Amino acid sequence: MDTNDHTPTENGWDSLPQNLRDDTFLLVMKELSIVKDHNRLLLLVTHGFVEMAIEALIKHHLKNSKKLLDDSRTYPHSAKLLILNELGIISDQLYGVFDWLRKLRNRAAHDALFRLRKQDFPTIKCDDPIDPVDDFYRFCVLLLAGFWNEHLDVFGPLFAPGVTGLKEDGEESAT
Protein backbone atom coordinates (compact mmCIF):
# COMPACT_ATOMS: atom_id res chain seq x y z
CA MET A 1 0.00 0.00 0.00
CA ASP A 2 1.27 3.47 -0.88
CA THR A 3 2.03 5.43 2.32
CA ASN A 4 0.74 8.61 0.64
CA ASP A 5 -2.68 7.04 0.02
CA HIS A 6 -4.93 8.54 2.69
CA THR A 7 -8.32 6.92 2.41
CA PRO A 8 -10.80 9.06 4.33
CA THR A 9 -12.66 7.33 7.11
CA GLU A 10 -15.91 8.08 8.86
CA ASN A 11 -14.36 10.67 11.18
CA GLY A 12 -11.38 11.70 9.05
CA TRP A 13 -8.72 11.07 11.70
CA ASP A 14 -7.29 8.03 9.96
CA SER A 15 -6.80 10.07 6.79
CA LEU A 16 -4.15 12.21 8.47
CA PRO A 17 -0.57 11.65 7.31
CA GLN A 18 1.33 9.29 9.62
CA ASN A 19 3.64 12.03 10.96
CA LEU A 20 0.58 13.85 12.36
CA ARG A 21 -1.24 10.86 13.84
CA ASP A 22 1.11 10.66 16.82
CA ASP A 23 0.98 14.36 17.71
CA THR A 24 -0.37 14.58 21.26
CA PHE A 25 -2.48 17.65 20.59
CA LEU A 26 -4.24 16.00 17.64
CA LEU A 27 -4.75 12.83 19.69
CA VAL A 28 -6.37 14.94 22.42
CA MET A 29 -8.61 16.62 19.85
CA LYS A 30 -9.53 13.18 18.50
CA GLU A 31 -10.34 11.99 22.03
CA LEU A 32 -12.51 15.08 22.58
CA SER A 33 -14.43 14.28 19.40
CA ILE A 34 -14.99 10.71 20.60
CA VAL A 35 -16.42 11.80 23.98
CA LYS A 36 -18.16 14.98 22.79
CA ASP A 37 -21.60 13.77 23.81
CA HIS A 38 -20.52 12.80 27.35
CA ASN A 39 -19.86 15.89 29.45
CA ARG A 40 -18.13 14.07 32.32
CA LEU A 41 -15.67 12.38 29.97
CA LEU A 42 -15.26 15.57 27.96
CA LEU A 43 -14.36 17.44 31.13
CA LEU A 44 -11.86 14.77 32.21
CA VAL A 45 -10.09 14.73 28.82
CA THR A 46 -10.02 18.54 28.64
CA HIS A 47 -8.64 18.86 32.15
CA GLY A 48 -6.12 16.09 31.50
CA PHE A 49 -4.62 18.08 28.64
CA VAL A 50 -4.67 21.27 30.72
CA GLU A 51 -2.69 19.48 33.45
CA MET A 52 -0.19 18.17 30.91
CA ALA A 53 0.18 21.64 29.37
CA ILE A 54 0.57 23.33 32.78
CA GLU A 55 3.36 20.89 33.61
CA ALA A 56 5.01 21.69 30.27
CA LEU A 57 4.91 25.41 31.12
CA ILE A 58 6.37 24.70 34.57
CA LYS A 59 9.17 22.65 33.01
CA HIS A 60 9.86 25.30 30.39
CA HIS A 61 9.80 28.40 32.61
CA LEU A 62 11.04 27.35 36.07
CA LYS A 63 14.63 26.43 36.79
CA ASN A 64 13.54 24.23 39.73
CA SER A 65 10.71 22.62 37.80
CA LYS A 66 11.77 19.07 38.67
CA LYS A 67 11.08 19.74 42.35
CA LEU A 68 7.55 20.95 41.58
CA LEU A 69 6.78 18.21 39.11
CA ASP A 70 8.12 15.39 41.29
CA ASP A 71 6.24 16.43 44.45
CA SER A 72 2.53 16.54 43.62
CA ARG A 73 1.60 16.38 47.31
CA THR A 74 3.32 19.68 48.11
CA TYR A 75 2.68 21.16 44.66
CA PRO A 76 -0.73 19.98 43.43
CA HIS A 77 -2.22 21.25 40.19
CA SER A 78 -3.78 24.22 42.01
CA ALA A 79 -0.35 25.34 43.28
CA LYS A 80 1.18 25.01 39.82
CA LEU A 81 -1.59 27.20 38.41
CA LEU A 82 -0.97 29.77 41.12
CA ILE A 83 2.78 29.82 40.51
CA LEU A 84 2.33 30.31 36.76
CA ASN A 85 -0.16 33.10 37.40
CA GLU A 86 2.08 34.85 39.93
CA LEU A 87 4.94 34.75 37.42
CA GLY A 88 2.70 36.23 34.72
CA ILE A 89 2.95 33.16 32.52
CA ILE A 90 -0.82 32.66 32.58
CA SER A 91 -3.18 35.62 32.87
CA ASP A 92 -5.48 36.31 35.80
CA GLN A 93 -8.45 35.44 33.60
CA LEU A 94 -6.98 32.12 32.47
CA TYR A 95 -5.95 31.33 36.04
CA GLY A 96 -9.57 31.86 37.12
CA VAL A 97 -10.91 29.68 34.32
CA PHE A 98 -8.44 26.86 35.00
CA ASP A 99 -9.05 26.98 38.76
CA TRP A 100 -12.79 26.80 38.10
CA LEU A 101 -12.22 23.94 35.62
CA ARG A 102 -10.18 22.09 38.26
CA LYS A 103 -13.02 22.34 40.78
CA LEU A 104 -15.58 21.23 38.20
CA ARG A 105 -13.34 18.29 37.26
CA ASN A 106 -13.12 17.28 40.91
CA ARG A 107 -16.90 17.28 41.11
CA ALA A 108 -17.14 15.22 37.92
CA ALA A 109 -14.60 12.73 39.24
CA HIS A 110 -16.28 12.25 42.62
CA ASP A 111 -20.03 12.72 42.13
CA ALA A 112 -21.90 9.55 41.28
CA LEU A 113 -24.33 11.55 39.16
CA PHE A 114 -22.73 14.43 37.32
CA ARG A 115 -24.67 16.95 35.27
CA LEU A 116 -23.57 20.34 34.00
CA ARG A 117 -25.81 23.15 35.22
CA LYS A 118 -26.04 26.81 34.25
CA GLN A 119 -24.85 27.80 37.73
CA ASP A 120 -21.65 25.78 37.20
CA PHE A 121 -20.43 28.37 34.73
CA PRO A 122 -19.00 31.68 35.82
CA THR A 123 -19.07 34.62 33.47
CA ILE A 124 -16.29 33.81 31.07
CA LYS A 125 -15.33 36.40 28.48
CA CYS A 126 -15.18 34.79 25.08
CA ASP A 127 -15.04 36.24 21.57
CA ASP A 128 -17.35 33.45 20.45
CA PRO A 129 -20.56 33.63 22.48
CA ILE A 130 -21.67 30.08 23.19
CA ASP A 131 -23.82 28.43 25.78
CA PRO A 132 -21.32 26.12 27.52
CA VAL A 133 -24.05 23.88 28.95
CA ASP A 134 -25.68 23.31 25.56
CA ASP A 135 -22.38 23.07 23.67
CA PHE A 136 -19.79 21.98 26.22
CA TYR A 137 -17.75 20.29 23.50
CA ARG A 138 -17.27 23.55 21.63
CA PHE A 139 -16.49 25.34 24.90
CA CYS A 140 -13.73 22.80 25.67
CA VAL A 141 -12.26 22.96 22.15
CA LEU A 142 -12.21 26.77 22.22
CA LEU A 143 -10.63 26.78 25.68
CA LEU A 144 -7.85 24.39 24.64
CA ALA A 145 -7.31 26.11 21.29
CA GLY A 146 -6.96 29.53 22.92
CA PHE A 147 -4.52 28.20 25.52
CA TRP A 148 -2.62 26.36 22.79
CA ASN A 149 -2.29 29.46 20.64
CA GLU A 150 -1.15 31.57 23.58
CA HIS A 151 1.76 29.22 24.29
CA LEU A 152 2.41 27.74 20.85
CA ASP A 153 6.16 28.30 21.21
CA VAL A 154 6.23 25.86 24.14
CA PHE A 155 3.39 23.48 23.21
CA GLY A 156 4.02 23.13 19.47
CA PRO A 157 7.35 21.32 19.63
CA LEU A 158 6.20 19.16 22.56
CA PHE A 159 2.68 18.21 21.57
CA ALA A 160 2.50 18.71 17.79
CA PRO A 161 5.90 18.56 16.10
CA GLY A 162 4.29 17.07 12.99
CA VAL A 163 1.92 20.04 12.66
CA THR A 164 4.32 22.80 13.69
CA GLY A 165 7.40 21.33 12.07
CA LEU A 166 9.41 22.06 15.23
CA LYS A 167 11.23 19.81 17.65
CA GLU A 168 11.80 20.55 21.35
CA ASP A 169 15.28 21.89 20.71
CA GLY A 170 13.87 24.53 18.34
CA GLU A 171 15.16 22.78 15.23
CA GLU A 172 12.86 22.02 12.35
CA SER A 173 11.65 18.46 12.23
CA ALA A 174 11.88 16.34 9.10
CA THR A 175 8.27 16.31 7.93
C-alpha atoms as a PDB file:
ATOM      1  CA  MET A   1       0.000   0.000   0.000  1.00  0.00           C
ATOM      2  CA  ASP A   2       1.269   3.467  -0.878  1.00  0.00           C
ATOM      3  CA  THR A   3       2.029   5.433   2.315  1.00  0.00           C
ATOM      4  CA  ASN A   4       0.739   8.607   0.636  1.00  0.00           C
ATOM      5  CA  ASP A   5      -2.677   7.041   0.024  1.00  0.00           C
ATOM      6  CA  HIS A   6      -4.929   8.540   2.692  1.00  0.00           C
ATOM      7  CA  THR A   7      -8.316   6.917   2.407  1.00  0.00           C
ATOM      8  CA  PRO A   8     -10.797   9.063   4.335  1.00  0.00           C
ATOM      9  CA  THR A   9     -12.663   7.329   7.107  1.00  0.00           C
ATOM     10  CA  GLU A  10     -15.909   8.078   8.864  1.00  0.00           C
ATOM     11  CA  ASN A  11     -14.363  10.668  11.179  1.00  0.00           C
ATOM     12  CA  GLY A  12     -11.379  11.700   9.054  1.00  0.00           C
ATOM     13  CA  TRP A  13      -8.724  11.073  11.701  1.00  0.00           C
ATOM     14  CA  ASP A  14      -7.290   8.034   9.957  1.00  0.00           C
ATOM     15  CA  SER A  15      -6.803  10.072   6.789  1.00  0.00           C
ATOM     16  CA  LEU A  16      -4.152  12.215   8.467  1.00  0.00           C
ATOM     17  CA  PRO A  17      -0.565  11.650   7.313  1.00  0.00           C
ATOM     18  CA  GLN A  18       1.328   9.290   9.624  1.00  0.00           C
ATOM     19  CA  ASN A  19       3.636  12.026  10.955  1.00  0.00           C
ATOM     20  CA  LEU A  20       0.580  13.852  12.359  1.00  0.00           C
ATOM     21  CA  ARG A  21      -1.240  10.861  13.841  1.00  0.00           C
ATOM     22  CA  ASP A  22       1.108  10.663  16.821  1.00  0.00           C
ATOM     23  CA  ASP A  23       0.981  14.365  17.709  1.00  0.00           C
ATOM     24  CA  THR A  24      -0.368  14.582  21.257  1.00  0.00           C
ATOM     25  CA  PHE A  25      -2.485  17.647  20.594  1.00  0.00           C
ATOM     26  CA  LEU A  26      -4.236  16.002  17.644  1.00  0.00           C
ATOM     27  CA  LEU A  27      -4.755  12.833  19.691  1.00  0.00           C
ATOM     28  CA  VAL A  28      -6.369  14.944  22.421  1.00  0.00           C
ATOM     29  CA  MET A  29      -8.614  16.615  19.848  1.00  0.00           C
ATOM     30  CA  LYS A  30      -9.526  13.180  18.500  1.00  0.00           C
ATOM     31  CA  GLU A  31     -10.342  11.995  22.025  1.00  0.00           C
ATOM     32  CA  LEU A  32     -12.511  15.080  22.582  1.00  0.00           C
ATOM     33  CA  SER A  33     -14.430  14.285  19.400  1.00  0.00           C
ATOM     34  CA  ILE A  34     -14.987  10.705  20.599  1.00  0.00           C
ATOM     35  CA  VAL A  35     -16.425  11.796  23.977  1.00  0.00           C
ATOM     36  CA  LYS A  36     -18.158  14.979  22.788  1.00  0.00           C
ATOM     37  CA  ASP A  37     -21.602  13.767  23.809  1.00  0.00           C
ATOM     38  CA  HIS A  38     -20.523  12.797  27.354  1.00  0.00           C
ATOM     39  CA  ASN A  39     -19.859  15.892  29.453  1.00  0.00           C
ATOM     40  CA  ARG A  40     -18.130  14.073  32.323  1.00  0.00           C
ATOM     41  CA  LEU A  41     -15.671  12.384  29.970  1.00  0.00           C
ATOM     42  CA  LEU A  42     -15.256  15.572  27.962  1.00  0.00           C
ATOM     43  CA  LEU A  43     -14.360  17.442  31.128  1.00  0.00           C
ATOM     44  CA  LEU A  44     -11.863  14.773  32.208  1.00  0.00           C
ATOM     45  CA  VAL A  45     -10.094  14.735  28.824  1.00  0.00           C
ATOM     46  CA  THR A  46     -10.017  18.536  28.635  1.00  0.00           C
ATOM     47  CA  HIS A  47      -8.642  18.861  32.148  1.00  0.00           C
ATOM     48  CA  GLY A  48      -6.118  16.093  31.500  1.00  0.00           C
ATOM     49  CA  PHE A  49      -4.618  18.084  28.643  1.00  0.00           C
ATOM     50  CA  VAL A  50      -4.671  21.273  30.715  1.00  0.00           C
ATOM     51  CA  GLU A  51      -2.695  19.481  33.445  1.00  0.00           C
ATOM     52  CA  MET A  52      -0.188  18.173  30.909  1.00  0.00           C
ATOM     53  CA  ALA A  53       0.180  21.637  29.373  1.00  0.00           C
ATOM     54  CA  ILE A  54       0.568  23.330  32.778  1.00  0.00           C
ATOM     55  CA  GLU A  55       3.360  20.893  33.610  1.00  0.00           C
ATOM     56  CA  ALA A  56       5.009  21.685  30.268  1.00  0.00           C
ATOM     57  CA  LEU A  57       4.910  25.408  31.117  1.00  0.00           C
ATOM     58  CA  ILE A  58       6.367  24.703  34.570  1.00  0.00           C
ATOM     59  CA  LYS A  59       9.165  22.645  33.013  1.00  0.00           C
ATOM     60  CA  HIS A  60       9.859  25.297  30.393  1.00  0.00           C
ATOM     61  CA  HIS A  61       9.799  28.405  32.606  1.00  0.00           C
ATOM     62  CA  LEU A  62      11.041  27.346  36.065  1.00  0.00           C
ATOM     63  CA  LYS A  63      14.634  26.433  36.791  1.00  0.00           C
ATOM     64  CA  ASN A  64      13.536  24.226  39.732  1.00  0.00           C
ATOM     65  CA  SER A  65      10.707  22.615  37.799  1.00  0.00           C
ATOM     66  CA  LYS A  66      11.767  19.071  38.671  1.00  0.00           C
ATOM     67  CA  LYS A  67      11.084  19.745  42.352  1.00  0.00           C
ATOM     68  CA  LEU A  68       7.550  20.950  41.584  1.00  0.00           C
ATOM     69  CA  LEU A  69       6.777  18.208  39.105  1.00  0.00           C
ATOM     70  CA  ASP A  70       8.118  15.390  41.291  1.00  0.00           C
ATOM     71  CA  ASP A  71       6.243  16.435  44.451  1.00  0.00           C
ATOM     72  CA  SER A  72       2.532  16.537  43.623  1.00  0.00           C
ATOM     73  CA  ARG A  73       1.599  16.380  47.311  1.00  0.00           C
ATOM     74  CA  THR A  74       3.325  19.683  48.107  1.00  0.00           C
ATOM     75  CA  TYR A  75       2.685  21.164  44.660  1.00  0.00           C
ATOM     76  CA  PRO A  76      -0.733  19.985  43.429  1.00  0.00           C
ATOM     77  CA  HIS A  77      -2.220  21.249  40.188  1.00  0.00           C
ATOM     78  CA  SER A  78      -3.776  24.224  42.010  1.00  0.00           C
ATOM     79  CA  ALA A  79      -0.348  25.338  43.281  1.00  0.00           C
ATOM     80  CA  LYS A  80       1.177  25.006  39.824  1.00  0.00           C
ATOM     81  CA  LEU A  81      -1.587  27.201  38.409  1.00  0.00           C
ATOM     82  CA  LEU A  82      -0.975  29.774  41.117  1.00  0.00           C
ATOM     83  CA  ILE A  83       2.779  29.818  40.508  1.00  0.00           C
ATOM     84  CA  LEU A  84       2.333  30.310  36.757  1.00  0.00           C
ATOM     85  CA  ASN A  85      -0.161  33.096  37.401  1.00  0.00           C
ATOM     86  CA  GLU A  86       2.081  34.855  39.927  1.00  0.00           C
ATOM     87  CA  LEU A  87       4.943  34.749  37.422  1.00  0.00           C
ATOM     88  CA  GLY A  88       2.702  36.232  34.721  1.00  0.00           C
ATOM     89  CA  ILE A  89       2.947  33.156  32.518  1.00  0.00           C
ATOM     90  CA  ILE A  90      -0.821  32.663  32.582  1.00  0.00           C
ATOM     91  CA  SER A  91      -3.183  35.623  32.869  1.00  0.00           C
ATOM     92  CA  ASP A  92      -5.480  36.309  35.805  1.00  0.00           C
ATOM     93  CA  GLN A  93      -8.447  35.444  33.603  1.00  0.00           C
ATOM     94  CA  LEU A  94      -6.976  32.123  32.474  1.00  0.00           C
ATOM     95  CA  TYR A  95      -5.951  31.327  36.043  1.00  0.00           C
ATOM     96  CA  GLY A  96      -9.567  31.861  37.123  1.00  0.00           C
ATOM     97  CA  VAL A  97     -10.910  29.677  34.322  1.00  0.00           C
ATOM     98  CA  PHE A  98      -8.438  26.864  35.000  1.00  0.00           C
ATOM     99  CA  ASP A  99      -9.048  26.979  38.759  1.00  0.00           C
ATOM    100  CA  TRP A 100     -12.792  26.801  38.101  1.00  0.00           C
ATOM    101  CA  LEU A 101     -12.224  23.937  35.619  1.00  0.00           C
ATOM    102  CA  ARG A 102     -10.177  22.090  38.255  1.00  0.00           C
ATOM    103  CA  LYS A 103     -13.017  22.340  40.782  1.00  0.00           C
ATOM    104  CA  LEU A 104     -15.577  21.230  38.200  1.00  0.00           C
ATOM    105  CA  ARG A 105     -13.340  18.289  37.263  1.00  0.00           C
ATOM    106  CA  ASN A 106     -13.125  17.284  40.909  1.00  0.00           C
ATOM    107  CA  ARG A 107     -16.905  17.276  41.112  1.00  0.00           C
ATOM    108  CA  ALA A 108     -17.141  15.216  37.922  1.00  0.00           C
ATOM    109  CA  ALA A 109     -14.598  12.732  39.244  1.00  0.00           C
ATOM    110  CA  HIS A 110     -16.277  12.248  42.620  1.00  0.00           C
ATOM    111  CA  ASP A 111     -20.029  12.724  42.126  1.00  0.00           C
ATOM    112  CA  ALA A 112     -21.903   9.550  41.283  1.00  0.00           C
ATOM    113  CA  LEU A 113     -24.335  11.547  39.156  1.00  0.00           C
ATOM    114  CA  PHE A 114     -22.728  14.431  37.323  1.00  0.00           C
ATOM    115  CA  ARG A 115     -24.669  16.949  35.265  1.00  0.00           C
ATOM    116  CA  LEU A 116     -23.570  20.341  33.998  1.00  0.00           C
ATOM    117  CA  ARG A 117     -25.806  23.145  35.218  1.00  0.00           C
ATOM    118  CA  LYS A 118     -26.043  26.806  34.245  1.00  0.00           C
ATOM    119  CA  GLN A 119     -24.853  27.797  37.731  1.00  0.00           C
ATOM    120  CA  ASP A 120     -21.651  25.775  37.204  1.00  0.00           C
ATOM    121  CA  PHE A 121     -20.428  28.367  34.730  1.00  0.00           C
ATOM    122  CA  PRO A 122     -18.998  31.679  35.816  1.00  0.00           C
ATOM    123  CA  THR A 123     -19.071  34.616  33.473  1.00  0.00           C
ATOM    124  CA  ILE A 124     -16.289  33.806  31.070  1.00  0.00           C
ATOM    125  CA  LYS A 125     -15.328  36.395  28.479  1.00  0.00           C
ATOM    126  CA  CYS A 126     -15.178  34.792  25.083  1.00  0.00           C
ATOM    127  CA  ASP A 127     -15.041  36.236  21.572  1.00  0.00           C
ATOM    128  CA  ASP A 128     -17.350  33.452  20.446  1.00  0.00           C
ATOM    129  CA  PRO A 129     -20.564  33.629  22.484  1.00  0.00           C
ATOM    130  CA  ILE A 130     -21.667  30.080  23.191  1.00  0.00           C
ATOM    131  CA  ASP A 131     -23.820  28.429  25.783  1.00  0.00           C
ATOM    132  CA  PRO A 132     -21.317  26.117  27.516  1.00  0.00           C
ATOM    133  CA  VAL A 133     -24.049  23.883  28.946  1.00  0.00           C
ATOM    134  CA  ASP A 134     -25.675  23.313  25.556  1.00  0.00           C
ATOM    135  CA  ASP A 135     -22.377  23.071  23.666  1.00  0.00           C
ATOM    136  CA  PHE A 136     -19.787  21.978  26.216  1.00  0.00           C
ATOM    137  CA  TYR A 137     -17.747  20.285  23.496  1.00  0.00           C
ATOM    138  CA  ARG A 138     -17.275  23.553  21.632  1.00  0.00           C
ATOM    139  CA  PHE A 139     -16.486  25.336  24.904  1.00  0.00           C
ATOM    140  CA  CYS A 140     -13.727  22.796  25.674  1.00  0.00           C
ATOM    141  CA  VAL A 141     -12.264  22.957  22.153  1.00  0.00           C
ATOM    142  CA  LEU A 142     -12.209  26.773  22.217  1.00  0.00           C
ATOM    143  CA  LEU A 143     -10.626  26.784  25.682  1.00  0.00           C
ATOM    144  CA  LEU A 144      -7.853  24.394  24.642  1.00  0.00           C
ATOM    145  CA  ALA A 145      -7.309  26.105  21.288  1.00  0.00           C
ATOM    146  CA  GLY A 146      -6.961  29.531  22.915  1.00  0.00           C
ATOM    147  CA  PHE A 147      -4.519  28.197  25.519  1.00  0.00           C
ATOM    148  CA  TRP A 148      -2.624  26.358  22.787  1.00  0.00           C
ATOM    149  CA  ASN A 149      -2.288  29.460  20.636  1.00  0.00           C
ATOM    150  CA  GLU A 150      -1.154  31.569  23.577  1.00  0.00           C
ATOM    151  CA  HIS A 151       1.762  29.223  24.289  1.00  0.00           C
ATOM    152  CA  LEU A 152       2.415  27.739  20.851  1.00  0.00           C
ATOM    153  CA  ASP A 153       6.157  28.304  21.210  1.00  0.00           C
ATOM    154  CA  VAL A 154       6.228  25.859  24.144  1.00  0.00           C
ATOM    155  CA  PHE A 155       3.386  23.480  23.211  1.00  0.00           C
ATOM    156  CA  GLY A 156       4.019  23.129  19.469  1.00  0.00           C
ATOM    157  CA  PRO A 157       7.351  21.322  19.633  1.00  0.00           C
ATOM    158  CA  LEU A 158       6.203  19.156  22.561  1.00  0.00           C
ATOM    159  CA  PHE A 159       2.679  18.211  21.572  1.00  0.00           C
ATOM    160  CA  ALA A 160       2.500  18.712  17.792  1.00  0.00           C
ATOM    161  CA  PRO A 161       5.896  18.562  16.103  1.00  0.00           C
ATOM    162  CA  GLY A 162       4.285  17.071  12.989  1.00  0.00           C
ATOM    163  CA  VAL A 163       1.916  20.035  12.664  1.00  0.00           C
ATOM    164  CA  THR A 164       4.320  22.801  13.688  1.00  0.00           C
ATOM    165  CA  GLY A 165       7.403  21.335  12.069  1.00  0.00           C
ATOM    166  CA  LEU A 166       9.415  22.057  15.234  1.00  0.00           C
ATOM    167  CA  LYS A 167      11.230  19.811  17.651  1.00  0.00           C
ATOM    168  CA  GLU A 168      11.797  20.548  21.346  1.00  0.00           C
ATOM    169  CA  ASP A 169      15.281  21.895  20.710  1.00  0.00           C
ATOM    170  CA  GLY A 170      13.868  24.531  18.344  1.00  0.00           C
ATOM    171  CA  GLU A 171      15.156  22.783  15.229  1.00  0.00           C
ATOM    172  CA  GLU A 172      12.859  22.024  12.347  1.00  0.00           C
ATOM    173  CA  SER A 173      11.646  18.455  12.230  1.00  0.00           C
ATOM    174  CA  ALA A 174      11.877  16.340   9.103  1.00  0.00           C
ATOM    175  CA  THR A 175       8.273  16.310   7.929  1.00  0.00           C
END
